[in-house]
C-alpha cells in the first residue's frame, strides 16, 4: 500500500468541476430539490437527542417504508411500519448471491422549520440503472420519491435542527425471494429507513489523511462499479480496518495512474 497523503482541498479541486456540472444539469431538468409540504413539516418537536454531538452512525428512528414485488415486476403500494428487523429467507437472492442495491440521500431542516430533500429523483433514476444491471425490477420514480417523502414525514422529529446535521435516508432494493442456483430472485423487497447524522466534515475545509491504494481495486471495467450494488462495498471493509485512516483514494484499475474514486460526500 502506498502511503501518499493528499489534502481534502486537492481532492475537491479534482472533483469540483464534474460535481458542479452534474448539479447544474440536475437543476436544469427540475430535479435538484423537493420541498415537503409545509403543513406536514412545521413542528417544534424534536427527538430527545444530543444534537450538538451528533456523529455519523445508526440512530434508530420510528418508522420505515416497505413494499414487495412479485414475478410480474410490479411493486405493491407499500407503506410505513415500525422500524425493526425484517424476515428474510436464508435462500434469498441477496443473502446468497448479493443481488441488492442501496441508495443514500439526505433531508435538511430549513430555518423556517420546513424540510428539504436534495435531488430524490436522481437517486430514483440511479436505482433504476443499477436494477437493470443487477437483473432486478425497480420501483417507478414516482413511487420511490413518494416513499422517501413518507419516510421523512413519519420520522420528522428526527430531522436535526438547522445546521446541526441532516436525516440520512437509506433506500434498499434486495432480492428477498428464495432461489437455489444463480438466477434472478422470484421476489424483491424495497424498503427505506432513516437515521439522523451530524455534519460529515465538522471542521470545515481542514485537511484530511488519504491513502492512495495501488494494490487492491474497488471496481474494474465491465464490472459493477458503475452501479450502487451492495457487493461493491464489502470488499473495502478489510482495508478500512488496517489503520486509523480517514479515507482511501482508489486508482483506475487498468493503469493505476489516475485517481478513480474517493468515497466522500463531496
Foldseek 3Di string as FASTA:
>chain_A
DFQDWDWPVVVCVVCVVVVVVVLVVCVVVVQFKDWDDPVLQADPAADPDDLQDFAPDFDQFFWKWKWKDFQVLAIDLTDIDGDDDDDFDCQFCCNPPQLKFKDKWWWAADPSRTIMTGRQLVRQVLVCVLCVVSVHRGYDSVSSVVNQSRQCSVRVSQARDHQSFTKMKMWMKGRRAGDDDPDGRRMIMIMMHIGTGGDPDPPPRGTFTEGEDDPDALDAPPDSPSGRGPVSCVVCVVVPPPDVHDWYFGAHNPPSPHGDDTPDPD
